[in-house]
Amino acid sequence: MESPEDDQLTFNPPASPIVEAVMQNARNQQYLSKRLDAAGDRADPDHLGDIVRHGPVLEALRAEPLDRREIEERLDVSRATSHRLTKWLDEQGFVEKIDGRFQLTGRGEAVTDEVLRFEANVSTVHRMGPLLDVICPHHAEFAIEPMIDSTVTVAEPTVPDRPVERFISLVSESETFRGFNTTHLAPLMIGEFYQRVFDGTKAELIYTPRVAETLRETYPTRVTEAVDRGQLTIRTREKLPYGLALFDERVGLGGYDDDTGLMQVFVDTDSPMAREWAERVYASVKADSTPLNSPVEQ
């Protein structure tokens, strides 16, 4: 089995503070339990559950301070329930009552943000389950947050080509294309994709050396002509973590079956955070790749 370091990437260009924090968090996931143990202050699971259960009222108060009747109307709860909710939040120091209205404290705002982030991430994990089941488990730079509003296309027994069709449709709408490990997104026999690469789309592809050579053997004249025109650039890297595609407006990730090599799921989004994350990942892979036909540095 490959070691966890095999597919970890090193990033040099600075990112925005938000994306940098997201990526640092992704890199540190494996160490969180050790850090919590070292701090000696693990949260009680029941207490965490109570915080999540109070998420709706926390979210309502995150928008604006509310009196008790407004809380009852906003959440469609009884007077007794609203009293119980606000009493618990007050005991935790998450709210304070000012002029008859409950408003979040600084601690309460921070907890609310974490509850909402948790909900968004869990929802995203559920939707992206097919991708997460097949993506390289050692790729430390993969992050959930940028993909929260993504479109997930999954292969089904009756329509096994749905992910490939989604990928091809995005290529046809884009004037530029960059990607690595995309033969799983569009196998070499998918002529529609390579027709775009050779004739209609300015493209840069990063493949393993074996796949790059196979591409050149499959389309010898077309590859040479496209490269000579400057329309196509091919680079190689020994190992690639999954399939990543950067279109004009969207970015996408593909997960494939190791046994068949066929794409099982394609996830794409136009999120600016996802674009920045993908640009960073692609830049790192490219920096560790070699132009086709160039000698590898010893």
Protein backbone atom coordinates (compact mmCIF):
# COMPACT_ATOMS: atom_id res chain seq x y z
CA MET A 1 0.00 0.00 0.00
CA GLU A 2 1.20 3.49 -0.77
CA SER A 3 2.31 5.57 2.17
CA PRO A 4 0.27 8.64 3.13
CA GLU A 5 3.07 10.85 1.89
CA ASP A 6 2.84 9.53 -1.67
CA ASP A 7 0.00 11.81 -2.71
CA GLN A 8 0.45 14.75 -0.36
CA LEU A 9 1.10 18.01 -2.15
CA THR A 10 3.31 20.93 -1.26
CA PHE A 11 1.85 24.40 -1.84
CA ASN A 12 3.95 27.49 -2.27
CA PRO A 13 1.67 30.32 -3.56
CA PRO A 14 -0.26 32.08 -0.78
CA ALA A 15 -4.02 31.64 -0.78
CA SER A 16 -6.77 33.84 0.59
CA PRO A 17 -7.09 33.54 4.38
CA ILE A 18 -10.32 31.54 4.07
CA VAL A 19 -8.96 28.98 1.60
CA GLU A 20 -5.67 28.77 3.47
CA ALA A 21 -7.56 27.98 6.67
CA VAL A 22 -9.71 25.38 4.91
CA MET A 23 -6.68 23.65 3.42
CA GLN A 24 -4.72 23.76 6.66
CA ASN A 25 -7.68 22.22 8.41
CA ALA A 26 -7.80 19.44 5.80
CA ARG A 27 -4.10 18.76 6.30
CA ASN A 28 -4.50 18.61 10.07
CA GLN A 29 -7.56 16.34 10.26
CA GLN A 30 -5.51 13.27 11.12
CA TYR A 31 -3.94 15.06 14.10
CA LEU A 32 -7.10 16.52 15.65
CA SER A 33 -7.77 13.70 18.09
CA LYS A 34 -4.17 13.78 19.33
CA ARG A 35 -4.33 17.56 19.78
CA LEU A 36 -7.60 17.27 21.70
CA ASP A 37 -6.16 14.55 23.91
CA ALA A 38 -3.07 16.66 24.56
CA ALA A 39 -5.25 19.62 25.55
CA GLY A 40 -6.98 17.36 28.08
CA ASP A 41 -10.38 18.94 27.58
CA ARG A 42 -12.44 16.63 25.36
CA ALA A 43 -16.05 17.74 24.94
CA ASP A 44 -18.77 15.55 26.36
CA PRO A 45 -20.66 13.85 23.46
CA ASP A 46 -24.02 14.55 25.09
CA HIS A 47 -23.14 18.24 25.39
CA LEU A 48 -22.17 18.35 21.70
CA GLY A 49 -25.50 16.73 20.87
CA ASP A 50 -27.34 19.36 22.92
CA ILE A 51 -25.58 22.15 21.03
CA VAL A 52 -26.55 20.66 17.66
CA ARG A 53 -30.15 20.19 18.82
CA HIS A 54 -30.28 23.89 19.68
CA GLY A 55 -29.00 24.74 16.20
CA PRO A 56 -32.32 26.12 14.86
CA VAL A 57 -32.72 28.68 17.64
CA LEU A 58 -29.04 29.60 17.47
CA GLU A 59 -29.39 30.18 13.72
CA ALA A 60 -32.51 32.29 14.24
CA LEU A 61 -30.73 34.46 16.79
CA ARG A 62 -27.68 34.70 14.51
CA ALA A 63 -29.87 36.63 12.10
CA GLU A 64 -31.28 39.05 14.69
CA PRO A 65 -32.22 39.34 18.40
CA LEU A 66 -35.69 37.95 19.10
CA ASP A 67 -38.14 38.07 22.00
CA ARG A 68 -39.74 34.90 23.27
CA ARG A 69 -42.90 35.22 21.15
CA GLU A 70 -40.87 35.81 18.01
CA ILE A 71 -38.82 32.69 18.77
CA GLU A 72 -42.04 30.69 19.14
CA GLU A 73 -43.34 31.95 15.79
CA ARG A 74 -40.02 31.61 13.97
CA LEU A 75 -39.46 28.02 15.10
CA ASP A 76 -43.13 27.02 15.40
CA VAL A 77 -42.69 25.86 19.00
CA SER A 78 -44.73 26.20 22.16
CA ARG A 79 -44.13 28.74 24.90
CA ALA A 80 -42.82 25.99 27.18
CA THR A 81 -40.38 24.83 24.50
CA SER A 82 -39.08 28.34 23.79
CA HIS A 83 -38.57 28.85 27.54
CA ARG A 84 -36.62 25.59 27.77
CA LEU A 85 -34.48 26.47 24.75
CA THR A 86 -33.58 29.96 25.90
CA LYS A 87 -32.98 28.79 29.49
CA TRP A 88 -30.43 26.22 28.31
CA LEU A 89 -28.69 28.70 26.00
CA ASP A 90 -28.50 31.23 28.82
CA GLU A 91 -26.99 28.64 31.17
CA GLN A 92 -24.29 27.89 28.57
CA GLY A 93 -23.49 31.58 28.16
CA PHE A 94 -24.58 31.54 24.51
CA VAL A 95 -27.30 34.20 24.84
CA GLU A 96 -28.13 37.23 26.92
CA LYS A 97 -31.42 39.03 27.34
CA ILE A 98 -31.36 42.76 26.61
CA ASP A 99 -34.52 44.90 26.52
CA GLY A 100 -36.71 41.81 26.39
CA ARG A 101 -34.88 40.25 23.45
CA PHE A 102 -32.48 37.35 23.37
CA GLN A 103 -29.27 37.91 21.48
CA LEU A 104 -26.16 35.82 21.01
CA THR A 105 -23.05 36.51 23.00
CA GLY A 106 -19.68 36.40 21.30
CA ARG A 107 -19.36 32.80 22.43
CA GLY A 108 -22.83 32.08 21.09
CA GLU A 109 -22.02 33.53 17.67
CA ALA A 110 -18.88 31.40 17.40
CA VAL A 111 -20.74 28.22 18.42
CA THR A 112 -23.54 28.98 15.94
CA ASP A 113 -21.06 29.37 13.11
CA GLU A 114 -19.50 26.00 13.97
CA VAL A 115 -22.91 24.31 14.13
CA LEU A 116 -23.82 25.68 10.70
CA ARG A 117 -20.43 24.65 9.30
CA PHE A 118 -20.90 21.16 10.72
CA GLU A 119 -24.36 20.87 9.17
CA ALA A 120 -23.12 22.08 5.80
CA ASN A 121 -20.14 19.73 5.80
CA VAL A 122 -22.14 16.68 6.88
CA SER A 123 -24.72 17.42 4.19
CA THR A 124 -21.95 17.75 1.62
CA VAL A 125 -20.31 14.51 2.76
CA HIS A 126 -23.65 12.74 2.34
CA ARG A 127 -24.15 14.06 -1.20
CA MET A 128 -20.52 13.43 -2.17
CA GLY A 129 -20.42 9.97 -0.63
CA PRO A 130 -19.85 8.21 -3.97
CA LEU A 131 -16.78 10.38 -4.61
CA LEU A 132 -15.38 10.07 -1.10
CA ASP A 133 -15.73 6.28 -1.29
CA VAL A 134 -13.38 6.07 -4.27
CA ILE A 135 -11.06 9.06 -3.86
CA CYS A 136 -7.48 8.50 -2.73
CA PRO A 137 -7.65 8.19 1.09
CA HIS A 138 -4.16 9.64 1.56
CA HIS A 139 -4.69 12.90 -0.34
CA ALA A 140 -4.29 15.39 2.51
CA GLU A 141 -5.31 18.46 0.51
CA PHE A 142 -8.86 17.37 -0.32
CA ALA A 143 -11.34 19.68 1.42
CA ILE A 144 -15.12 19.43 1.80
CA GLU A 145 -16.04 23.09 2.36
CA PRO A 146 -15.39 24.34 -1.20
CA MET A 147 -17.78 21.72 -2.61
CA ILE A 148 -20.85 22.51 -0.48
CA ASP A 149 -23.02 23.68 -3.41
CA SER A 150 -21.68 21.20 -5.97
CA THR A 151 -23.55 19.18 -8.57
CA VAL A 152 -23.03 15.43 -8.03
CA THR A 153 -23.46 13.10 -11.02
CA VAL A 154 -23.32 9.38 -10.25
CA ALA A 155 -23.09 6.40 -12.59
CA GLU A 156 -26.14 4.16 -12.40
CA PRO A 157 -26.61 0.61 -13.69
CA THR A 158 -29.03 1.79 -16.36
CA VAL A 159 -27.05 4.97 -17.20
CA PRO A 160 -23.37 4.18 -16.51
CA ASP A 161 -22.10 7.06 -18.66
CA ARG A 162 -23.82 9.90 -16.78
CA PRO A 163 -20.62 11.24 -15.12
CA VAL A 164 -18.72 11.15 -18.44
CA GLU A 165 -21.59 12.89 -20.22
CA ARG A 166 -21.64 15.63 -17.58
CA PHE A 167 -17.88 16.08 -17.97
CA ILE A 168 -18.08 16.23 -21.77
CA SER A 169 -20.91 18.78 -21.65
CA LEU A 170 -18.79 21.12 -19.51
CA VAL A 171 -15.81 20.72 -21.85
CA SER A 172 -17.98 21.66 -24.83
CA GLU A 173 -19.03 24.89 -23.06
CA SER A 174 -15.46 25.92 -22.21
CA GLU A 175 -12.80 27.59 -24.34
CA THR A 176 -9.98 26.46 -22.04
CA PHE A 177 -9.40 23.27 -20.14
CA ARG A 178 -6.79 22.10 -17.66
CA GLY A 179 -6.82 18.83 -15.83
CA PHE A 180 -4.94 15.88 -14.47
CA ASN A 181 -5.76 12.18 -14.49
CA THR A 182 -8.66 12.95 -16.84
CA THR A 183 -8.51 9.69 -18.79
CA HIS A 184 -10.81 8.33 -16.10
CA LEU A 185 -13.14 11.26 -16.78
CA ALA A 186 -12.90 10.79 -20.54
CA PRO A 187 -11.20 7.54 -21.64
CA LEU A 188 -9.03 7.66 -24.74
CA MET A 189 -11.80 6.14 -26.85
CA ILE A 190 -14.13 9.07 -26.09
CA GLY A 191 -13.43 10.91 -29.34
CA GLU A 192 -15.71 13.87 -28.54
CA PHE A 193 -13.46 15.04 -25.72
CA TYR A 194 -10.23 14.70 -27.68
CA GLN A 195 -11.81 16.37 -30.70
CA ARG A 196 -12.34 19.42 -28.49
CA VAL A 197 -8.82 19.16 -27.09
CA PHE A 198 -7.26 18.96 -30.55
CA ASP A 199 -9.43 21.52 -32.36
CA GLY A 200 -11.60 23.69 -30.15
CA THR A 201 -10.22 24.06 -26.64
CA LYS A 202 -6.87 25.33 -25.44
CA ALA A 203 -5.87 22.52 -23.14
CA GLU A 204 -3.21 21.44 -20.69
CA LEU A 205 -3.24 17.80 -19.57
CA ILE A 206 -1.19 16.13 -16.85
CA TYR A 207 -1.10 12.35 -17.18
CA THR A 208 1.04 9.52 -15.92
CA PRO A 209 3.86 8.75 -18.39
CA ARG A 210 2.19 5.54 -19.55
CA VAL A 211 -1.13 7.25 -20.27
CA ALA A 212 0.58 10.17 -22.02
CA GLU A 213 2.41 7.77 -24.33
CA THR A 214 -0.81 5.87 -25.00
CA LEU A 215 -2.52 9.13 -25.93
CA ARG A 216 0.25 9.96 -28.37
CA GLU A 217 0.13 6.45 -29.86
CA THR A 218 -3.66 6.60 -30.21
CA TYR A 219 -3.72 10.02 -31.92
CA PRO A 220 -0.15 10.45 -33.24
CA THR A 221 -0.82 13.10 -35.89
CA ARG A 222 -3.49 15.02 -33.98
CA VAL A 223 -1.39 15.25 -30.82
CA THR A 224 1.69 16.46 -32.72
CA GLU A 225 -0.27 19.09 -34.65
CA ALA A 226 -2.09 20.39 -31.55
CA VAL A 227 1.14 20.60 -29.56
CA ASP A 228 2.94 22.36 -32.41
CA ARG A 229 0.13 24.94 -32.66
CA GLY A 230 0.44 25.62 -28.95
CA GLN A 231 -3.15 24.53 -28.43
CA LEU A 232 -2.26 21.45 -26.40
CA THR A 233 0.30 20.99 -23.63
CA ILE A 234 0.99 17.56 -22.16
CA ARG A 235 2.88 17.01 -18.93
CA THR A 236 3.55 13.86 -16.93
CA ARG A 237 3.69 12.90 -13.26
CA GLU A 238 4.27 9.46 -11.82
CA LYS A 239 1.33 9.52 -9.41
CA LEU A 240 -1.95 11.42 -9.50
CA PRO A 241 -4.50 11.41 -6.66
CA TYR A 242 -7.82 11.58 -8.61
CA GLY A 243 -9.26 13.36 -11.63
CA LEU A 244 -9.37 17.17 -11.47
CA ALA A 245 -10.80 19.37 -14.23
CA LEU A 246 -10.72 23.17 -14.53
CA PHE A 247 -13.13 24.69 -17.05
CA ASP A 248 -13.80 28.36 -17.82
CA GLU A 249 -16.57 28.67 -15.25
CA ARG A 250 -16.50 25.50 -13.17
CA VAL A 251 -14.15 23.00 -11.56
CA GLY A 252 -14.80 19.30 -11.23
CA LEU A 253 -13.55 16.18 -9.49
CA GLY A 254 -13.92 12.64 -10.73
CA GLY A 255 -13.75 9.41 -8.79
CA TYR A 256 -13.22 6.10 -10.52
CA ASP A 257 -13.27 2.39 -9.80
CA ASP A 258 -9.74 1.03 -9.38
CA ASP A 259 -10.69 -2.32 -10.90
CA THR A 260 -12.49 -1.12 -14.02
CA GLY A 261 -10.93 2.34 -14.38
CA LEU A 262 -14.40 3.72 -15.15
CA MET A 263 -15.64 6.98 -13.67
CA GLN A 264 -18.21 6.36 -10.94
CA VAL A 265 -18.96 9.94 -9.95
CA PHE A 266 -18.27 13.50 -11.14
CA VAL A 267 -18.69 16.49 -8.83
CA ASP A 268 -18.56 20.04 -10.18
CA THR A 269 -19.18 23.57 -8.92
CA ASP A 270 -18.72 27.24 -9.82
CA SER A 271 -17.89 28.20 -6.22
CA PRO A 272 -15.10 30.83 -6.07
CA MET A 273 -13.62 29.00 -3.06
CA ALA A 274 -13.58 25.74 -5.02
CA ARG A 275 -11.92 27.53 -7.96
CA GLU A 276 -9.14 28.85 -5.73
CA TRP A 277 -8.72 25.47 -4.06
CA ALA A 278 -8.55 23.71 -7.43
CA GLU A 279 -6.08 26.24 -8.84
CA ARG A 280 -3.82 25.61 -5.88
CA VAL A 281 -4.01 21.84 -6.20
CA TYR A 282 -3.43 22.00 -9.95
CA ALA A 283 -0.47 24.37 -9.56
CA SER A 284 1.13 22.00 -7.07
CA VAL A 285 0.68 18.96 -9.31
CA LYS A 286 1.96 20.89 -12.32
CA ALA A 287 5.05 22.07 -10.42
CA ASP A 288 5.86 18.42 -9.72
CA SER A 289 5.29 17.31 -13.33
CA THR A 290 7.50 17.14 -16.42
CA PRO A 291 6.74 18.29 -20.00
CA LEU A 292 6.31 15.30 -22.28
CA ASN A 293 9.61 14.36 -23.93
CA SER A 294 11.60 16.41 -21.43
CA PRO A 295 14.27 14.53 -19.50
CA VAL A 296 13.41 13.95 -15.86
CA GLU A 297 15.82 15.67 -13.54
CA GLN A 298 18.00 13.27 -11.59
